[in-house]
Amino acid sequence: MGERLQRLLDGAEKEAEAKVAEAEQKAAEMISKARADAERRRTMAQRGYGIDELLKEAEEKATKEAEKKLKDYKKQAEAVKDVPEEKLKEAVALVLKEVLPE
């Protein structure tokens, strides 16, 4: 049984090493791609062309982020609407009691 366990551990270690190597390779590829893109953008900005493309990309990204935030805020607003009116009245009464002198 000890030998079988050792083989299983060795197999698991090799599998883990392979996964780590694959992850490192993917990370290196992503970094390389990001650097190439950054260099392309820098070169375009220095030359003064492609700025419209960069602005368009930035605007699209900002629009997507704004739409996501708006969607999140709408969900939060709906959650507040779902709070029973009696609970809201209790909360208001509690705040008023704490804030206003008697």
N, C-alpha and C. Protein backbone atom coordinates (compact mmCIF):
# COMPACT_ATOMS: atom_id res chain seq x y z
N MET A 1 0.83 -1.20 0.00
CA MET A 1 0.00 0.00 0.00
C MET A 1 0.86 1.25 0.00
N GLY A 2 1.99 1.27 0.64
CA GLY A 2 2.87 2.41 0.68
C GLY A 2 3.41 2.74 -0.69
N GLU A 3 3.70 1.70 -1.47
CA GLU A 3 4.22 1.92 -2.83
C GLU A 3 3.15 2.53 -3.72
N ARG A 4 1.93 2.06 -3.58
CA ARG A 4 0.81 2.58 -4.37
C ARG A 4 0.57 4.05 -4.03
N LEU A 5 0.62 4.35 -2.76
CA LEU A 5 0.43 5.73 -2.31
C LEU A 5 1.54 6.63 -2.88
N GLN A 6 2.76 6.13 -2.88
CA GLN A 6 3.89 6.91 -3.42
C GLN A 6 3.68 7.17 -4.91
N ARG A 7 3.19 6.16 -5.66
CA ARG A 7 2.93 6.35 -7.09
C ARG A 7 1.85 7.39 -7.31
N LEU A 8 0.81 7.34 -6.49
CA LEU A 8 -0.27 8.33 -6.59
C LEU A 8 0.25 9.73 -6.31
N LEU A 9 1.08 9.85 -5.28
CA LEU A 9 1.65 11.15 -4.94
C LEU A 9 2.56 11.65 -6.06
N ASP A 10 3.36 10.76 -6.62
CA ASP A 10 4.24 11.15 -7.73
C ASP A 10 3.42 11.61 -8.93
N GLY A 11 2.36 10.86 -9.22
CA GLY A 11 1.48 11.24 -10.34
C GLY A 11 0.82 12.58 -10.12
N ALA A 12 0.36 12.80 -8.91
CA ALA A 12 -0.28 14.07 -8.58
C ALA A 12 0.72 15.21 -8.66
N GLU A 13 1.95 14.97 -8.21
CA GLU A 13 2.98 16.00 -8.27
C GLU A 13 3.31 16.36 -9.73
N LYS A 14 3.43 15.36 -10.58
CA LYS A 14 3.72 15.60 -11.99
C LYS A 14 2.58 16.38 -12.64
N GLU A 15 1.35 16.00 -12.30
CA GLU A 15 0.18 16.70 -12.85
C GLU A 15 0.16 18.16 -12.39
N ALA A 16 0.48 18.37 -11.13
CA ALA A 16 0.51 19.73 -10.60
C ALA A 16 1.60 20.55 -11.28
N GLU A 17 2.76 19.95 -11.47
CA GLU A 17 3.85 20.65 -12.16
C GLU A 17 3.46 21.01 -13.58
N ALA A 18 2.77 20.09 -14.26
CA ALA A 18 2.33 20.36 -15.64
C ALA A 18 1.34 21.52 -15.66
N LYS A 19 0.42 21.54 -14.70
CA LYS A 19 -0.56 22.62 -14.64
C LYS A 19 0.11 23.96 -14.34
N VAL A 20 1.09 23.94 -13.45
CA VAL A 20 1.81 25.17 -13.12
C VAL A 20 2.57 25.66 -14.35
N ALA A 21 3.21 24.75 -15.06
CA ALA A 21 3.95 25.13 -16.26
C ALA A 21 3.01 25.72 -17.31
N GLU A 22 1.85 25.11 -17.46
CA GLU A 22 0.85 25.61 -18.42
C GLU A 22 0.37 27.01 -18.01
N ALA A 23 0.11 27.19 -16.74
CA ALA A 23 -0.34 28.50 -16.24
C ALA A 23 0.74 29.55 -16.44
N GLU A 24 2.00 29.18 -16.18
CA GLU A 24 3.10 30.13 -16.38
C GLU A 24 3.22 30.51 -17.86
N GLN A 25 3.04 29.54 -18.74
CA GLN A 25 3.12 29.81 -20.18
C GLN A 25 1.99 30.75 -20.60
N LYS A 26 0.77 30.48 -20.12
CA LYS A 26 -0.36 31.35 -20.46
C LYS A 26 -0.14 32.76 -19.91
N ALA A 27 0.39 32.86 -18.69
CA ALA A 27 0.64 34.16 -18.09
C ALA A 27 1.69 34.92 -18.91
N ALA A 28 2.73 34.21 -19.34
CA ALA A 28 3.77 34.86 -20.15
C ALA A 28 3.20 35.34 -21.47
N GLU A 29 2.32 34.55 -22.07
CA GLU A 29 1.69 34.96 -23.33
C GLU A 29 0.81 36.19 -23.12
N MET A 30 0.06 36.21 -22.02
CA MET A 30 -0.81 37.35 -21.73
C MET A 30 0.01 38.62 -21.50
N ILE A 31 1.11 38.47 -20.78
CA ILE A 31 1.97 39.62 -20.51
C ILE A 31 2.58 40.13 -21.81
N SER A 32 3.03 39.21 -22.64
CA SER A 32 3.62 39.59 -23.92
C SER A 32 2.61 40.33 -24.79
N LYS A 33 1.41 39.81 -24.83
CA LYS A 33 0.34 40.43 -25.62
C LYS A 33 0.03 41.83 -25.09
N ALA A 34 -0.07 41.96 -23.77
CA ALA A 34 -0.37 43.26 -23.17
C ALA A 34 0.74 44.26 -23.44
N ARG A 35 1.99 43.80 -23.36
CA ARG A 35 3.11 44.70 -23.65
C ARG A 35 3.09 45.16 -25.10
N ALA A 36 2.82 44.21 -26.01
CA ALA A 36 2.77 44.56 -27.44
C ALA A 36 1.65 45.56 -27.70
N ASP A 37 0.50 45.36 -27.06
CA ASP A 37 -0.62 46.27 -27.25
C ASP A 37 -0.28 47.65 -26.68
N ALA A 38 0.35 47.68 -25.52
CA ALA A 38 0.74 48.96 -24.91
C ALA A 38 1.75 49.68 -25.79
N GLU A 39 2.69 48.95 -26.34
CA GLU A 39 3.68 49.56 -27.22
C GLU A 39 3.01 50.10 -28.48
N ARG A 40 2.06 49.35 -29.03
CA ARG A 40 1.33 49.81 -30.21
C ARG A 40 0.58 51.10 -29.91
N ARG A 41 -0.07 51.14 -28.78
CA ARG A 41 -0.84 52.33 -28.40
C ARG A 41 0.10 53.52 -28.17
N ARG A 42 1.23 53.27 -27.53
CA ARG A 42 2.18 54.35 -27.27
C ARG A 42 2.71 54.91 -28.59
N THR A 43 3.04 54.03 -29.50
CA THR A 43 3.55 54.46 -30.80
C THR A 43 2.49 55.26 -31.55
N MET A 44 1.26 54.79 -31.52
CA MET A 44 0.18 55.50 -32.20
C MET A 44 -0.01 56.89 -31.60
N ALA A 45 0.05 56.96 -30.26
CA ALA A 45 -0.14 58.25 -29.60
C ALA A 45 1.00 59.21 -29.93
N GLN A 46 2.22 58.69 -29.98
CA GLN A 46 3.37 59.54 -30.30
C GLN A 46 3.26 60.10 -31.72
N ARG A 47 2.78 59.29 -32.62
CA ARG A 47 2.67 59.73 -34.01
C ARG A 47 1.45 60.60 -34.25
N GLY A 48 0.53 60.58 -33.30
CA GLY A 48 -0.64 61.44 -33.42
C GLY A 48 -1.77 60.86 -34.23
N TYR A 49 -1.67 59.63 -34.60
CA TYR A 49 -2.80 59.02 -35.30
C TYR A 49 -3.26 57.80 -34.52
N GLY A 50 -4.46 57.43 -34.80
CA GLY A 50 -5.04 56.33 -34.04
C GLY A 50 -5.65 56.79 -32.73
N ILE A 51 -5.56 58.08 -32.47
CA ILE A 51 -6.12 58.60 -31.22
C ILE A 51 -7.63 58.40 -31.21
N ASP A 52 -8.25 58.58 -32.37
CA ASP A 52 -9.70 58.37 -32.45
C ASP A 52 -10.06 56.94 -32.06
N GLU A 53 -9.25 56.00 -32.53
CA GLU A 53 -9.49 54.60 -32.19
C GLU A 53 -9.33 54.36 -30.70
N LEU A 54 -8.28 54.93 -30.13
CA LEU A 54 -8.05 54.79 -28.69
C LEU A 54 -9.18 55.42 -27.89
N LEU A 55 -9.62 56.60 -28.32
CA LEU A 55 -10.74 57.26 -27.63
C LEU A 55 -12.01 56.44 -27.73
N LYS A 56 -12.25 55.89 -28.91
CA LYS A 56 -13.45 55.07 -29.10
C LYS A 56 -13.42 53.85 -28.18
N GLU A 57 -12.26 53.20 -28.10
CA GLU A 57 -12.12 52.04 -27.21
C GLU A 57 -12.36 52.45 -25.76
N ALA A 58 -11.80 53.57 -25.35
CA ALA A 58 -11.97 54.04 -23.98
C ALA A 58 -13.43 54.39 -23.69
N GLU A 59 -14.08 55.03 -24.66
CA GLU A 59 -15.49 55.38 -24.49
C GLU A 59 -16.36 54.13 -24.39
N GLU A 60 -16.06 53.14 -25.22
CA GLU A 60 -16.84 51.89 -25.17
C GLU A 60 -16.67 51.20 -23.83
N LYS A 61 -15.43 51.19 -23.34
CA LYS A 61 -15.17 50.58 -22.04
C LYS A 61 -15.91 51.32 -20.93
N ALA A 62 -15.85 52.65 -20.97
CA ALA A 62 -16.53 53.46 -19.95
C ALA A 62 -18.04 53.27 -20.02
N THR A 63 -18.57 53.18 -21.24
CA THR A 63 -20.01 52.98 -21.41
C THR A 63 -20.43 51.63 -20.82
N LYS A 64 -19.65 50.60 -21.09
CA LYS A 64 -19.98 49.27 -20.54
C LYS A 64 -19.94 49.29 -19.02
N GLU A 65 -18.92 49.94 -18.48
CA GLU A 65 -18.82 50.02 -17.02
C GLU A 65 -19.99 50.80 -16.43
N ALA A 66 -20.36 51.89 -17.09
CA ALA A 66 -21.48 52.71 -16.61
C ALA A 66 -22.79 51.92 -16.67
N GLU A 67 -22.98 51.16 -17.75
CA GLU A 67 -24.20 50.35 -17.86
C GLU A 67 -24.25 49.30 -16.77
N LYS A 68 -23.10 48.71 -16.46
CA LYS A 68 -23.05 47.71 -15.40
C LYS A 68 -23.39 48.34 -14.06
N LYS A 69 -22.80 49.52 -13.78
CA LYS A 69 -23.09 50.22 -12.52
C LYS A 69 -24.57 50.58 -12.42
N LEU A 70 -25.13 51.06 -13.52
CA LEU A 70 -26.54 51.43 -13.54
C LEU A 70 -27.42 50.21 -13.24
N LYS A 71 -27.07 49.09 -13.84
CA LYS A 71 -27.82 47.86 -13.60
C LYS A 71 -27.73 47.45 -12.14
N ASP A 72 -26.51 47.56 -11.56
CA ASP A 72 -26.34 47.23 -10.14
C ASP A 72 -27.16 48.16 -9.25
N TYR A 73 -27.15 49.46 -9.56
CA TYR A 73 -27.92 50.42 -8.77
C TYR A 73 -29.41 50.16 -8.89
N LYS A 74 -29.86 49.78 -10.07
CA LYS A 74 -31.29 49.46 -10.24
C LYS A 74 -31.67 48.25 -9.39
N LYS A 75 -30.78 47.26 -9.33
CA LYS A 75 -31.05 46.08 -8.49
C LYS A 75 -31.15 46.50 -7.02
N GLN A 76 -30.23 47.37 -6.60
CA GLN A 76 -30.26 47.84 -5.22
C GLN A 76 -31.53 48.62 -4.93
N ALA A 77 -31.96 49.44 -5.89
CA ALA A 77 -33.19 50.22 -5.71
C ALA A 77 -34.39 49.29 -5.61
N GLU A 78 -34.42 48.26 -6.43
CA GLU A 78 -35.52 47.30 -6.38
C GLU A 78 -35.53 46.57 -5.03
N ALA A 79 -34.36 46.28 -4.50
CA ALA A 79 -34.28 45.60 -3.20
C ALA A 79 -34.84 46.50 -2.11
N VAL A 80 -34.59 47.79 -2.21
CA VAL A 80 -35.14 48.73 -1.22
C VAL A 80 -36.65 48.81 -1.36
N LYS A 81 -37.13 48.76 -2.58
CA LYS A 81 -38.58 48.80 -2.80
C LYS A 81 -39.27 47.59 -2.21
N ASP A 82 -38.55 46.48 -2.14
CA ASP A 82 -39.14 45.24 -1.64
C ASP A 82 -39.24 45.20 -0.12
N VAL A 83 -38.62 46.18 0.55
CA VAL A 83 -38.69 46.24 2.01
C VAL A 83 -40.11 46.67 2.38
N PRO A 84 -40.76 45.92 3.26
CA PRO A 84 -42.12 46.28 3.65
C PRO A 84 -42.19 47.69 4.23
N GLU A 85 -43.29 48.37 3.96
CA GLU A 85 -43.46 49.76 4.41
C GLU A 85 -43.40 49.86 5.92
N GLU A 86 -43.91 48.86 6.61
CA GLU A 86 -43.89 48.88 8.07
C GLU A 86 -42.45 48.90 8.59
N LYS A 87 -41.57 48.14 7.95
CA LYS A 87 -40.16 48.13 8.36
C LYS A 87 -39.52 49.50 8.14
N LEU A 88 -39.87 50.15 7.02
CA LEU A 88 -39.34 51.48 6.76
C LEU A 88 -39.82 52.47 7.81
N LYS A 89 -41.11 52.39 8.18
CA LYS A 89 -41.65 53.28 9.20
C LYS A 89 -40.95 53.06 10.54
N GLU A 90 -40.69 51.79 10.87
CA GLU A 90 -39.98 51.48 12.11
C GLU A 90 -38.57 52.07 12.08
N ALA A 91 -37.91 51.96 10.95
CA ALA A 91 -36.55 52.49 10.82
C ALA A 91 -36.54 54.00 10.96
N VAL A 92 -37.51 54.67 10.31
CA VAL A 92 -37.61 56.13 10.41
C VAL A 92 -37.89 56.53 11.85
N ALA A 93 -38.79 55.84 12.50
CA ALA A 93 -39.12 56.17 13.89
C ALA A 93 -37.91 55.99 14.79
N LEU A 94 -37.15 54.94 14.56
CA LEU A 94 -35.96 54.69 15.36
C LEU A 94 -34.92 55.80 15.15
N VAL A 95 -34.72 56.20 13.90
CA VAL A 95 -33.76 57.27 13.62
C VAL A 95 -34.20 58.57 14.25
N LEU A 96 -35.49 58.90 14.09
CA LEU A 96 -36.01 60.13 14.67
C LEU A 96 -35.87 60.13 16.20
N LYS A 97 -36.12 58.99 16.80
CA LYS A 97 -36.02 58.87 18.23
C LYS A 97 -34.58 59.10 18.70
N GLU A 98 -33.63 58.59 17.95
CA GLU A 98 -32.22 58.73 18.30
C GLU A 98 -31.70 60.13 18.05
N VAL A 99 -32.22 60.78 16.99
CA VAL A 99 -31.68 62.07 16.57
C VAL A 99 -32.34 63.25 17.28
N LEU A 100 -33.64 63.22 17.38
CA LEU A 100 -34.37 64.36 17.94
C LEU A 100 -34.42 64.28 19.47
N PRO A 101 -34.22 65.41 20.12
CA PRO A 101 -34.31 65.40 21.58
C PRO A 101 -35.77 65.26 22.01
N GLU A 102 -35.97 64.68 23.14
CA GLU A 102 -37.32 64.50 23.64
C GLU A 102 -37.81 65.67 24.43
